[in-house]
Structures are given as structure tokens and as C-alpha cells.
């Protein structure tokens, strides 16, 4: 996965605009180009549409955050501590990517989103990095005797991701949800499912 310098400028500009106090439904390619310090025509040399910018920016910025997050997983911490780091990452991402999804839902369909990304290797890299992170956490759980070593690795990752999804679902349904309680439920779910 290699992006040209101008593509990275466009991603950063879009993210900056998205998290400013702008009306996100009215973001334009001209505004993105201006913020990136390049011409509108240059943007179209790299992207077919604003929707493609949105889709690729979302995935690129999430990938960058995963790379930063992966360094926080520490074999010197307990399984529980690493699970909570994972939970914190996912709950923070829910809050962070919410404006993206608000914009996505107002502009185009999921199929279009997937079409923009189908030839982009970043999704495979992202999936592999998330698998690596969950595998590292799982191995800590195995070492501590919390998780059975002989369980299917895909099943173990599925349980970890499901626990994170449960937290996300609870938070999205009710913003006043106590996230610490959700995290404790998620941790207990993992322990029970992987014993």
C-alpha cells in the first residue's frame, strides 16, 4: 500500500474538515483541495469523486490508528489489561469514525463504498494487522491459562471481535451507557467463550 504525497494531503485535509465545526453534509471537493493546498483538478487526478475520498480516507485513517494502537499491546501486561486496551481502542474509534459514517450514510450506499475499496490492498493489510493484534492478546491469555490453547484461532478472533462489537452496539444504542460496565461484560464474555 503506497499513497502519493498528494493523496495523503487529501486524506489529512478531509479528516481536518470532517472534525472541524463544518456542516459535514456540505463538504465539497473544492474545500478539500483548498485545505490540502492543491488545485481541485489535482484531486480528480487521484480520486473519481468526493465519495471515493470519503471511503479511502476512512479506511486509511483507521489503518493509521491501528498501527499506533498495535504498539500499545504489551506482553508485559496481563490478558485483562490488554483486552481493556483493545476495548478502549474500539470505543474511541466509534466516537472518531461517527462523522464518517454520518457522511457516508447521507451520500452513498455501502455497495459503492466497497466498490471504491475493492482494488485497494489497505483492507487486506488492515484485516491482517487486526488479526495479528488479537492473536497477540489471545496468546497472552493462553500463557496465563485463561484461554484454551487448542481452540480454533479463527473462533478465538471471532470471540474477541464480537466482544468489541457488543461494546460498540451498546454505546451506539445509548450514548449514556456506562462503558466500563460494557467492558467488564465483554471481558467476561471472552473468558467464558474461550475457557
N, C-alpha and C. Protein backbone atom coordinates (compact mmCIF):
# COMPACT_ATOMS: atom_id res chain seq x y z
N UNK A 1 0.85 -1.17 0.00
CA UNK A 1 0.00 0.00 0.00
C UNK A 1 0.90 1.23 0.00
N UNK A 2 0.82 1.95 -1.07
CA UNK A 2 1.61 3.17 -1.20
C UNK A 2 0.70 4.27 -1.73
N UNK A 3 0.74 5.38 -1.03
CA UNK A 3 -0.05 6.53 -1.46
C UNK A 3 0.89 7.65 -1.85
N UNK A 4 0.50 8.38 -2.87
CA UNK A 4 1.27 9.54 -3.28
C UNK A 4 1.13 10.63 -2.21
N UNK A 5 2.10 11.51 -2.19
CA UNK A 5 2.10 12.59 -1.20
C UNK A 5 0.80 13.41 -1.26
N UNK A 6 0.32 13.66 -2.46
CA UNK A 6 -0.90 14.46 -2.59
C UNK A 6 -2.12 13.71 -2.10
N UNK A 7 -2.15 12.39 -2.28
CA UNK A 7 -3.26 11.61 -1.72
C UNK A 7 -3.29 11.74 -0.20
N UNK A 8 -2.11 11.68 0.41
CA UNK A 8 -2.03 11.81 1.87
C UNK A 8 -2.47 13.20 2.32
N UNK A 9 -2.11 14.22 1.54
CA UNK A 9 -2.56 15.58 1.85
C UNK A 9 -4.09 15.67 1.78
N UNK A 10 -4.66 15.00 0.79
CA UNK A 10 -6.13 15.00 0.63
C UNK A 10 -6.78 14.28 1.81
N UNK A 11 -6.23 13.12 2.20
CA UNK A 11 -6.78 12.40 3.36
C UNK A 11 -6.74 13.27 4.62
N UNK A 12 -5.60 13.91 4.83
CA UNK A 12 -5.46 14.75 6.03
C UNK A 12 -6.42 15.94 5.97
N UNK A 13 -6.50 16.57 4.82
CA UNK A 13 -7.40 17.72 4.67
C UNK A 13 -8.85 17.31 4.94
N UNK A 14 -9.24 16.20 4.36
CA UNK A 14 -10.61 15.73 4.57
C UNK A 14 -10.87 15.45 6.05
N UNK A 15 -9.94 14.78 6.70
CA UNK A 15 -10.10 14.48 8.13
C UNK A 15 -10.19 15.77 8.94
N UNK A 16 -9.33 16.74 8.64
CA UNK A 16 -9.35 18.02 9.37
C UNK A 16 -10.69 18.73 9.19
N UNK A 17 -11.20 18.74 7.97
CA UNK A 17 -12.50 19.39 7.71
C UNK A 17 -13.61 18.63 8.44
N UNK A 18 -13.54 17.32 8.38
CA UNK A 18 -14.58 16.48 8.98
C UNK A 18 -14.70 16.73 10.49
N UNK A 19 -13.56 16.93 11.14
CA UNK A 19 -13.59 17.11 12.59
C UNK A 19 -13.63 18.58 13.03
N UNK A 20 -13.75 19.46 12.06
CA UNK A 20 -13.95 20.88 12.41
C UNK A 20 -15.44 21.08 12.65
N UNK A 21 -15.83 22.26 12.87
CA UNK A 21 -17.25 22.54 13.13
C UNK A 21 -18.06 22.72 11.85
N UNK A 22 -17.53 22.27 10.73
CA UNK A 22 -18.24 22.40 9.45
C UNK A 22 -19.47 21.51 9.42
N UNK A 23 -20.39 21.88 8.55
CA UNK A 23 -21.54 21.01 8.28
C UNK A 23 -21.02 19.91 7.37
N UNK A 24 -20.88 18.70 7.92
CA UNK A 24 -20.21 17.63 7.17
C UNK A 24 -20.97 17.20 5.93
N UNK A 25 -22.25 17.48 5.88
CA UNK A 25 -23.02 17.09 4.69
C UNK A 25 -22.76 18.03 3.51
N UNK A 26 -22.08 19.15 3.78
CA UNK A 26 -21.84 20.14 2.73
C UNK A 26 -20.36 20.24 2.34
N UNK A 27 -19.56 19.27 2.75
CA UNK A 27 -18.15 19.28 2.38
C UNK A 27 -18.05 19.10 0.86
N UNK A 28 -17.19 19.90 0.24
CA UNK A 28 -17.03 19.84 -1.21
C UNK A 28 -15.59 19.46 -1.56
N UNK A 29 -15.41 18.99 -2.78
CA UNK A 29 -14.06 18.68 -3.27
C UNK A 29 -13.23 19.96 -3.30
N UNK A 30 -13.84 21.08 -3.65
CA UNK A 30 -13.11 22.36 -3.67
C UNK A 30 -12.57 22.70 -2.29
N UNK A 31 -13.40 22.48 -1.27
CA UNK A 31 -12.98 22.75 0.11
C UNK A 31 -11.83 21.82 0.52
N UNK A 32 -11.93 20.56 0.14
CA UNK A 32 -10.87 19.59 0.45
C UNK A 32 -9.57 20.00 -0.24
N UNK A 33 -9.66 20.37 -1.51
CA UNK A 33 -8.48 20.78 -2.27
C UNK A 33 -7.83 22.01 -1.64
N UNK A 34 -8.64 22.98 -1.28
CA UNK A 34 -8.12 24.21 -0.67
C UNK A 34 -7.39 23.88 0.64
N UNK A 35 -8.00 23.06 1.47
CA UNK A 35 -7.40 22.68 2.75
C UNK A 35 -6.10 21.90 2.53
N UNK A 36 -6.04 21.10 1.46
CA UNK A 36 -4.84 20.32 1.15
C UNK A 36 -3.75 21.16 0.48
N UNK A 37 -4.14 22.37 0.03
CA UNK A 37 -3.16 23.24 -0.62
C UNK A 37 -2.87 22.83 -2.06
N UNK A 38 -3.86 22.21 -2.70
CA UNK A 38 -3.70 21.78 -4.09
C UNK A 38 -4.94 22.22 -4.87
N UNK A 39 -4.87 22.13 -6.18
CA UNK A 39 -6.00 22.50 -7.02
C UNK A 39 -7.06 21.42 -7.06
N UNK A 40 -8.28 21.84 -7.32
CA UNK A 40 -9.40 20.90 -7.42
C UNK A 40 -9.14 19.86 -8.51
N UNK A 41 -8.59 20.26 -9.62
CA UNK A 41 -8.28 19.33 -10.71
C UNK A 41 -7.28 18.27 -10.29
N UNK A 42 -6.35 18.66 -9.43
CA UNK A 42 -5.36 17.70 -8.93
C UNK A 42 -6.04 16.61 -8.10
N UNK A 43 -7.05 16.98 -7.33
CA UNK A 43 -7.79 15.99 -6.54
C UNK A 43 -8.36 14.93 -7.47
N UNK A 44 -8.90 15.37 -8.61
CA UNK A 44 -9.52 14.43 -9.55
C UNK A 44 -8.49 13.59 -10.32
N UNK A 45 -7.22 13.93 -10.21
CA UNK A 45 -6.19 13.06 -10.77
C UNK A 45 -6.03 11.80 -9.92
N UNK A 46 -6.43 11.90 -8.66
CA UNK A 46 -6.26 10.79 -7.72
C UNK A 46 -7.57 10.10 -7.35
N UNK A 47 -8.66 10.83 -7.39
CA UNK A 47 -9.96 10.30 -6.96
C UNK A 47 -11.04 10.66 -7.97
N UNK A 48 -11.96 9.74 -8.17
CA UNK A 48 -13.04 9.96 -9.12
C UNK A 48 -14.13 10.88 -8.56
N UNK A 49 -14.29 10.87 -7.23
CA UNK A 49 -15.40 11.61 -6.63
C UNK A 49 -15.13 11.89 -5.16
N UNK A 50 -15.97 12.73 -4.60
CA UNK A 50 -15.91 13.01 -3.17
C UNK A 50 -16.17 11.73 -2.38
N UNK A 51 -17.06 10.90 -2.87
CA UNK A 51 -17.39 9.66 -2.18
C UNK A 51 -16.19 8.73 -2.10
N UNK A 52 -15.40 8.70 -3.15
CA UNK A 52 -14.18 7.88 -3.11
C UNK A 52 -13.20 8.43 -2.09
N UNK A 53 -13.10 9.75 -2.00
CA UNK A 53 -12.24 10.38 -0.99
C UNK A 53 -12.71 9.96 0.41
N UNK A 54 -14.01 10.02 0.63
CA UNK A 54 -14.57 9.65 1.94
C UNK A 54 -14.22 8.20 2.27
N UNK A 55 -14.49 7.30 1.35
CA UNK A 55 -14.26 5.87 1.60
C UNK A 55 -12.78 5.59 1.87
N UNK A 56 -11.92 6.07 1.00
CA UNK A 56 -10.50 5.78 1.15
C UNK A 56 -9.88 6.50 2.34
N UNK A 57 -10.38 7.68 2.64
CA UNK A 57 -9.89 8.42 3.80
C UNK A 57 -10.27 7.70 5.09
N UNK A 58 -11.48 7.22 5.15
CA UNK A 58 -11.93 6.48 6.34
C UNK A 58 -11.02 5.29 6.60
N UNK A 59 -10.81 4.48 5.59
CA UNK A 59 -10.00 3.27 5.76
C UNK A 59 -8.54 3.62 6.04
N UNK A 60 -7.99 4.58 5.31
CA UNK A 60 -6.60 4.97 5.53
C UNK A 60 -6.38 5.48 6.95
N UNK A 61 -7.25 6.38 7.40
CA UNK A 61 -7.07 6.94 8.74
C UNK A 61 -7.28 5.88 9.82
N UNK A 62 -8.20 4.95 9.61
CA UNK A 62 -8.39 3.85 10.56
C UNK A 62 -7.14 2.97 10.58
N UNK A 63 -6.58 2.70 9.41
CA UNK A 63 -5.36 1.90 9.32
C UNK A 63 -4.22 2.56 10.09
N UNK A 64 -4.07 3.86 9.93
CA UNK A 64 -3.02 4.59 10.65
C UNK A 64 -3.23 4.48 12.17
N UNK A 65 -4.48 4.58 12.61
CA UNK A 65 -4.77 4.48 14.03
C UNK A 65 -4.50 3.07 14.55
N UNK A 66 -4.77 2.06 13.75
CA UNK A 66 -4.48 0.68 14.14
C UNK A 66 -2.98 0.49 14.33
N UNK A 67 -2.18 1.09 13.45
CA UNK A 67 -0.73 0.98 13.59
C UNK A 67 -0.24 1.61 14.90
N UNK A 68 -0.80 2.73 15.26
CA UNK A 68 -0.43 3.37 16.53
C UNK A 68 -0.91 2.50 17.70
N UNK A 69 -2.14 2.02 17.60
CA UNK A 69 -2.72 1.20 18.66
C UNK A 69 -1.95 -0.09 18.88
N UNK A 70 -1.49 -0.72 17.82
CA UNK A 70 -0.83 -2.03 17.95
C UNK A 70 0.41 -1.95 18.83
N UNK A 71 1.05 -0.79 18.89
CA UNK A 71 2.23 -0.64 19.74
C UNK A 71 1.86 -0.60 21.23
N UNK A 72 0.60 -0.41 21.54
CA UNK A 72 0.16 -0.35 22.94
C UNK A 72 -0.09 -1.73 23.54
N UNK A 73 -0.26 -2.75 22.68
CA UNK A 73 -0.44 -4.10 23.17
C UNK A 73 0.92 -4.56 23.69
N UNK A 74 0.96 -4.99 24.94
CA UNK A 74 2.23 -5.25 25.61
C UNK A 74 2.21 -6.62 26.28
N UNK A 75 3.18 -7.45 25.93
CA UNK A 75 3.26 -8.79 26.52
C UNK A 75 3.57 -8.74 28.01
N UNK A 76 4.00 -7.59 28.52
CA UNK A 76 4.27 -7.46 29.96
C UNK A 76 3.01 -7.11 30.75
N UNK A 77 1.93 -6.80 30.03
CA UNK A 77 0.65 -6.53 30.69
C UNK A 77 -0.16 -7.82 30.74
N UNK A 78 -1.15 -7.85 31.61
CA UNK A 78 -1.99 -9.04 31.72
C UNK A 78 -2.95 -9.12 30.54
N UNK A 79 -3.53 -10.30 30.39
CA UNK A 79 -4.55 -10.51 29.36
C UNK A 79 -5.68 -9.50 29.54
N UNK A 80 -6.13 -9.33 30.77
CA UNK A 80 -7.23 -8.40 31.03
C UNK A 80 -6.84 -6.97 30.66
N UNK A 81 -5.65 -6.55 31.04
CA UNK A 81 -5.21 -5.19 30.71
C UNK A 81 -5.15 -4.98 29.20
N UNK A 82 -4.65 -5.97 28.46
CA UNK A 82 -4.59 -5.86 27.01
C UNK A 82 -5.99 -5.87 26.39
N UNK A 83 -6.90 -6.66 26.96
CA UNK A 83 -8.29 -6.64 26.47
C UNK A 83 -8.88 -5.25 26.64
N UNK A 84 -8.63 -4.63 27.78
CA UNK A 84 -9.17 -3.30 28.03
C UNK A 84 -8.55 -2.26 27.09
N UNK A 85 -7.29 -2.44 26.73
CA UNK A 85 -6.67 -1.56 25.73
C UNK A 85 -7.40 -1.73 24.40
N UNK A 86 -7.68 -2.98 24.04
CA UNK A 86 -8.43 -3.26 22.81
C UNK A 86 -9.82 -2.63 22.87
N UNK A 87 -10.51 -2.79 23.99
CA UNK A 87 -11.85 -2.21 24.15
C UNK A 87 -11.80 -0.69 24.04
N UNK A 88 -10.80 -0.08 24.68
CA UNK A 88 -10.67 1.38 24.61
C UNK A 88 -10.45 1.84 23.17
N UNK A 89 -9.61 1.10 22.45
CA UNK A 89 -9.37 1.44 21.06
C UNK A 89 -10.68 1.42 20.28
N UNK A 90 -11.46 0.36 20.42
CA UNK A 90 -12.70 0.25 19.67
C UNK A 90 -13.72 1.31 20.08
N UNK A 91 -13.84 1.58 21.37
CA UNK A 91 -14.82 2.60 21.79
C UNK A 91 -14.38 3.98 21.32
N UNK A 92 -13.10 4.26 21.35
CA UNK A 92 -12.62 5.55 20.83
C UNK A 92 -12.83 5.65 19.33
N UNK A 93 -12.68 4.55 18.61
CA UNK A 93 -12.90 4.57 17.17
C UNK A 93 -14.36 4.80 16.83
N UNK A 94 -15.26 4.28 17.65
CA UNK A 94 -16.69 4.51 17.41
C UNK A 94 -16.97 6.01 17.42
N UNK A 95 -16.41 6.68 18.40
CA UNK A 95 -16.61 8.12 18.52
C UNK A 95 -15.91 8.84 17.36
N UNK A 96 -14.70 8.41 17.03
CA UNK A 96 -13.91 9.05 15.99
C UNK A 96 -14.51 8.88 14.61
N UNK A 97 -15.00 7.67 14.29
CA UNK A 97 -15.48 7.44 12.92
C UNK A 97 -16.95 7.79 12.75
N UNK A 98 -17.61 8.16 13.81
CA UNK A 98 -19.03 8.52 13.71
C UNK A 98 -19.30 9.57 12.64
N UNK A 99 -18.51 10.66 12.56
CA UNK A 99 -18.77 11.64 11.50
C UNK A 99 -18.61 11.05 10.09
N UNK A 100 -17.66 10.12 9.93
CA UNK A 100 -17.50 9.47 8.62
C UNK A 100 -18.78 8.74 8.24
N UNK A 101 -19.30 7.95 9.17
CA UNK A 101 -20.48 7.16 8.85
C UNK A 101 -21.71 8.03 8.65
N UNK A 102 -21.78 9.14 9.38
CA UNK A 102 -22.88 10.08 9.16
C UNK A 102 -22.80 10.61 7.73
N UNK A 103 -21.60 10.95 7.32
CA UNK A 103 -21.41 11.46 5.97
C UNK A 103 -21.64 10.37 4.93
N UNK A 104 -21.14 9.18 5.18
CA UNK A 104 -21.34 8.06 4.26
C UNK A 104 -22.83 7.78 4.06
N UNK A 105 -23.56 7.73 5.17
CA UNK A 105 -24.98 7.37 5.07
C UNK A 105 -25.78 8.44 4.35
N UNK A 106 -25.29 9.67 4.36
CA UNK A 106 -26.02 10.73 3.67
C UNK A 106 -25.64 10.82 2.19
N UNK A 107 -24.56 10.16 1.79
CA UNK A 107 -24.05 10.34 0.43
C UNK A 107 -24.12 9.13 -0.49
N UNK A 108 -23.89 7.95 0.03
CA UNK A 108 -23.92 6.81 -0.88
C UNK A 108 -24.11 5.49 -0.15
N UNK A 109 -24.33 4.45 -0.95
CA UNK A 109 -24.64 3.13 -0.41
C UNK A 109 -23.37 2.37 -0.06
N UNK A 110 -23.52 1.38 0.83
CA UNK A 110 -22.39 0.54 1.24
C UNK A 110 -21.75 -0.14 0.03
N UNK A 111 -22.56 -0.56 -0.95
CA UNK A 111 -22.00 -1.20 -2.14
C UNK A 111 -21.02 -0.26 -2.84
N UNK A 112 -21.39 1.02 -2.93
CA UNK A 112 -20.49 1.99 -3.55
C UNK A 112 -19.21 2.14 -2.74
N UNK A 113 -19.35 2.16 -1.43
CA UNK A 113 -18.21 2.25 -0.53
C UNK A 113 -17.25 1.08 -0.80
N UNK A 114 -17.81 -0.12 -0.88
CA UNK A 114 -17.00 -1.33 -1.14
C UNK A 114 -16.37 -1.28 -2.53
N UNK A 115 -17.10 -0.78 -3.51
CA UNK A 115 -16.57 -0.68 -4.87
C UNK A 115 -15.33 0.22 -4.92
N UNK A 116 -15.35 1.31 -4.16
CA UNK A 116 -14.21 2.22 -4.16
C UNK A 116 -12.97 1.57 -3.56
N UNK A 117 -13.18 0.59 -2.69
CA UNK A 117 -12.07 -0.02 -1.99
C UNK A 117 -11.65 -1.38 -2.52
N UNK A 118 -12.37 -1.91 -3.50
CA UNK A 118 -12.13 -3.29 -3.92
C UNK A 118 -10.73 -3.55 -4.46
N UNK A 119 -10.10 -2.58 -5.04
CA UNK A 119 -8.76 -2.79 -5.58
C UNK A 119 -7.67 -2.19 -4.69
N UNK A 120 -8.02 -1.88 -3.46
CA UNK A 120 -7.09 -1.24 -2.55
C UNK A 120 -6.60 -2.26 -1.53
N UNK A 121 -5.32 -2.52 -1.50
CA UNK A 121 -4.76 -3.53 -0.60
C UNK A 121 -4.82 -3.14 0.87
N UNK A 122 -5.18 -1.90 1.15
CA UNK A 122 -5.20 -1.45 2.54
C UNK A 122 -6.19 -2.26 3.39
N UNK A 123 -7.29 -2.72 2.80
CA UNK A 123 -8.24 -3.52 3.57
C UNK A 123 -7.63 -4.83 4.01
N UNK A 124 -6.88 -5.47 3.12
CA UNK A 124 -6.20 -6.71 3.49
C UNK A 124 -5.16 -6.45 4.57
N UNK A 125 -4.42 -5.37 4.43
CA UNK A 125 -3.42 -5.01 5.44
C UNK A 125 -4.08 -4.73 6.79
N UNK A 126 -5.20 -4.03 6.75
CA UNK A 126 -5.93 -3.70 7.97
C UNK A 126 -6.42 -4.98 8.65
N UNK A 127 -7.02 -5.87 7.87
CA UNK A 127 -7.51 -7.13 8.41
C UNK A 127 -6.35 -7.93 9.02
N UNK A 128 -5.24 -8.01 8.32
CA UNK A 128 -4.08 -8.76 8.83
C UNK A 128 -3.54 -8.15 10.11
N UNK A 129 -3.49 -6.83 10.18
CA UNK A 129 -3.00 -6.18 11.39
C UNK A 129 -3.94 -6.43 12.58
N UNK A 130 -5.24 -6.34 12.34
CA UNK A 130 -6.19 -6.61 13.42
C UNK A 130 -6.12 -8.07 13.86
N UNK A 131 -5.94 -8.98 12.92
CA UNK A 131 -5.76 -10.40 13.27
C UNK A 131 -4.50 -10.58 14.12
N UNK A 132 -3.44 -9.92 13.74
CA UNK A 132 -2.18 -10.03 14.47
C UNK A 132 -2.33 -9.50 15.90
N UNK A 133 -3.02 -8.38 16.05
CA UNK A 133 -3.23 -7.80 17.38
C UNK A 133 -4.05 -8.74 18.25
N UNK A 134 -5.16 -9.25 17.71
CA UNK A 134 -6.00 -10.14 18.53
C UNK A 134 -5.27 -11.44 18.83
N UNK A 135 -4.48 -11.93 17.89
CA UNK A 135 -3.70 -13.15 18.13
C UNK A 135 -2.69 -12.93 19.25
N UNK A 136 -2.06 -11.77 19.26
CA UNK A 136 -1.09 -11.45 20.31
C UNK A 136 -1.78 -11.41 21.69
N UNK A 137 -2.95 -10.80 21.75
CA UNK A 137 -3.69 -10.74 23.02
C UNK A 137 -4.12 -12.15 23.44
N UNK A 138 -4.59 -12.92 22.49
CA UNK A 138 -5.03 -14.29 22.77
C UNK A 138 -3.86 -15.12 23.32
N UNK A 139 -2.68 -14.97 22.73
CA UNK A 139 -1.53 -15.75 23.20
C UNK A 139 -1.18 -15.40 24.64
N UNK A 140 -1.39 -14.15 25.03
CA UNK A 140 -1.17 -13.76 26.43
C UNK A 140 -2.18 -14.47 27.31
N UNK A 141 -3.43 -14.55 26.85
CA UNK A 141 -4.47 -15.26 27.60
C UNK A 141 -4.17 -16.74 27.73
N UNK A 142 -3.60 -17.34 26.69
CA UNK A 142 -3.21 -18.75 26.74
C UNK A 142 -2.09 -18.94 27.76
N UNK A 143 -1.09 -18.07 27.72
CA UNK A 143 0.03 -18.14 28.66
C UNK A 143 -0.45 -18.05 30.11
N UNK A 144 -1.45 -17.21 30.35
CA UNK A 144 -1.98 -17.03 31.70
C UNK A 144 -2.95 -18.14 32.09
N UNK A 145 -3.30 -19.01 31.15
CA UNK A 145 -4.23 -20.10 31.44
C UNK A 145 -5.69 -19.68 31.42
N UNK A 146 -5.98 -18.52 30.87
CA UNK A 146 -7.36 -18.02 30.79
C UNK A 146 -8.06 -18.59 29.55
N UNK A 147 -7.29 -18.80 28.49
CA UNK A 147 -7.82 -19.28 27.22
C UNK A 147 -7.22 -20.65 26.91
N UNK A 148 -8.05 -21.53 26.38
CA UNK A 148 -7.57 -22.85 25.95
C UNK A 148 -6.68 -22.67 24.71
N UNK A 149 -5.55 -23.32 24.75
CA UNK A 149 -4.60 -23.19 23.65
C UNK A 149 -5.09 -23.88 22.38
N UNK A 150 -5.85 -24.95 22.52
CA UNK A 150 -6.21 -25.75 21.35
C UNK A 150 -7.47 -25.28 20.63
N UNK A 151 -8.07 -24.17 21.04
CA UNK A 151 -9.23 -23.65 20.32
C UNK A 151 -8.84 -23.18 18.93
N UNK A 152 -9.77 -23.23 18.02
CA UNK A 152 -9.58 -22.74 16.67
C UNK A 152 -9.26 -21.23 16.72
N UNK A 153 -8.18 -20.83 16.06
CA UNK A 153 -7.73 -19.42 16.09
C UNK A 153 -8.76 -18.47 15.49
N UNK A 154 -9.44 -18.90 14.43
CA UNK A 154 -10.48 -18.04 13.85
C UNK A 154 -11.62 -17.83 14.84
N UNK A 155 -11.98 -18.90 15.54
CA UNK A 155 -13.03 -18.79 16.56
C UNK A 155 -12.60 -17.82 17.66
N UNK A 156 -11.35 -17.93 18.10
CA UNK A 156 -10.86 -17.04 19.15
C UNK A 156 -10.92 -15.57 18.71
N UNK A 157 -10.48 -15.31 17.49
CA UNK A 157 -10.55 -13.92 16.97
C UNK A 157 -11.99 -13.46 16.84
N UNK A 158 -12.86 -14.37 16.41
CA UNK A 158 -14.27 -14.05 16.28
C UNK A 158 -14.85 -13.62 17.63
N UNK A 159 -14.50 -14.34 18.68
CA UNK A 159 -14.97 -14.00 20.03
C UNK A 159 -14.45 -12.62 20.44
N UNK A 160 -13.18 -12.36 20.21
CA UNK A 160 -12.60 -11.07 20.58
C UNK A 160 -13.30 -9.92 19.84
N UNK A 161 -13.49 -10.10 18.55
CA UNK A 161 -14.13 -9.06 17.74
C UNK A 161 -15.61 -8.91 18.13
N UNK A 162 -16.26 -10.02 18.44
CA UNK A 162 -17.66 -9.97 18.88
C UNK A 162 -17.80 -9.19 20.18
N UNK A 163 -16.85 -9.38 21.09
CA UNK A 163 -16.88 -8.64 22.36
C UNK A 163 -16.78 -7.13 22.09
N UNK A 164 -15.88 -6.76 21.19
CA UNK A 164 -15.74 -5.33 20.83
C UNK A 164 -17.00 -4.82 20.16
N UNK A 165 -17.59 -5.63 19.32
CA UNK A 165 -18.83 -5.24 18.64
C UNK A 165 -19.96 -5.05 19.64
N UNK A 166 -19.98 -5.89 20.67
CA UNK A 166 -21.00 -5.75 21.71
C UNK A 166 -20.90 -4.41 22.42
N UNK A 167 -19.68 -4.00 22.72
CA UNK A 167 -19.48 -2.69 23.35
C UNK A 167 -19.95 -1.59 22.41
N UNK A 168 -19.56 -1.70 21.15
CA UNK A 168 -19.95 -0.70 20.15
C UNK A 168 -21.46 -0.62 20.02
N UNK A 169 -22.10 -1.75 19.96
CA UNK A 169 -23.56 -1.79 19.83
C UNK A 169 -24.23 -1.13 21.04
N UNK A 170 -23.77 -1.46 22.24
CA UNK A 170 -24.34 -0.86 23.45
C UNK A 170 -24.18 0.66 23.45
N UNK A 171 -22.99 1.11 23.04
CA UNK A 171 -22.72 2.54 23.03
C UNK A 171 -23.57 3.25 21.98
N UNK A 172 -23.67 2.66 20.80
CA UNK A 172 -24.44 3.29 19.72
C UNK A 172 -25.93 3.35 20.03
N UNK A 173 -26.42 2.35 20.73
CA UNK A 173 -27.84 2.36 21.09
C UNK A 173 -28.16 3.39 22.17
N UNK A 174 -27.22 3.63 23.06
CA UNK A 174 -27.47 4.54 24.17
C UNK A 174 -26.16 5.21 24.57
N UNK A 175 -26.00 6.46 24.17
CA UNK A 175 -24.75 7.19 24.43
C UNK A 175 -24.46 7.35 25.93
N UNK A 176 -25.47 7.19 26.78
CA UNK A 176 -25.23 7.33 28.21
C UNK A 176 -24.85 5.99 28.86
N UNK A 177 -24.64 4.96 28.03
CA UNK A 177 -24.24 3.66 28.53
C UNK A 177 -22.93 3.79 29.29
N UNK A 178 -22.83 3.10 30.42
CA UNK A 178 -21.59 3.07 31.19
C UNK A 178 -20.62 2.14 30.48
N UNK A 179 -19.62 2.72 29.83
CA UNK A 179 -18.68 1.93 29.03
C UNK A 179 -17.86 0.97 29.89
N UNK A 180 -17.58 1.36 31.12
CA UNK A 180 -16.81 0.46 31.99
C UNK A 180 -17.58 -0.82 32.28
N UNK A 181 -18.89 -0.70 32.46
CA UNK A 181 -19.71 -1.90 32.66
C UNK A 181 -19.72 -2.74 31.38
N UNK A 182 -19.87 -2.08 30.24
CA UNK A 182 -19.83 -2.81 28.96
C UNK A 182 -18.50 -3.54 28.78
N UNK A 183 -17.40 -2.88 29.14
CA UNK A 183 -16.09 -3.52 29.01
C UNK A 183 -15.98 -4.72 29.94
N UNK A 184 -16.53 -4.61 31.13
CA UNK A 184 -16.46 -5.76 32.05
C UNK A 184 -17.30 -6.92 31.52
N UNK A 185 -18.45 -6.62 30.92
CA UNK A 185 -19.27 -7.67 30.29
C UNK A 185 -18.50 -8.31 29.13
N UNK A 186 -17.87 -7.49 28.33
CA UNK A 186 -17.13 -8.00 27.18
C UNK A 186 -15.99 -8.91 27.63
N UNK A 187 -15.30 -8.50 28.68
CA UNK A 187 -14.19 -9.31 29.20
C UNK A 187 -14.71 -10.65 29.72
N UNK A 188 -15.80 -10.63 30.46
CA UNK A 188 -16.39 -11.88 30.96
C UNK A 188 -16.86 -12.76 29.81
N UNK A 189 -17.42 -12.15 28.79
CA UNK A 189 -17.85 -12.90 27.60
C UNK A 189 -16.67 -13.64 26.98
N UNK A 190 -15.54 -12.94 26.83
CA UNK A 190 -14.35 -13.56 26.24
C UNK A 190 -13.87 -14.72 27.11
N UNK A 191 -13.77 -14.47 28.40
CA UNK A 191 -13.29 -15.53 29.30
C UNK A 191 -14.18 -16.77 29.23
N UNK A 192 -15.48 -16.58 29.25
CA UNK A 192 -16.40 -17.72 29.22
C UNK A 192 -16.38 -18.43 27.88
N UNK A 193 -16.32 -17.66 26.81
CA UNK A 193 -16.38 -18.25 25.47
C UNK A 193 -15.10 -19.01 25.12
N UNK A 194 -13.99 -18.59 25.71
CA UNK A 194 -12.70 -19.18 25.34
C UNK A 194 -12.08 -20.06 26.42
N UNK A 195 -12.86 -20.41 27.45
CA UNK A 195 -12.35 -21.30 28.51
C UNK A 195 -12.25 -22.70 28.03
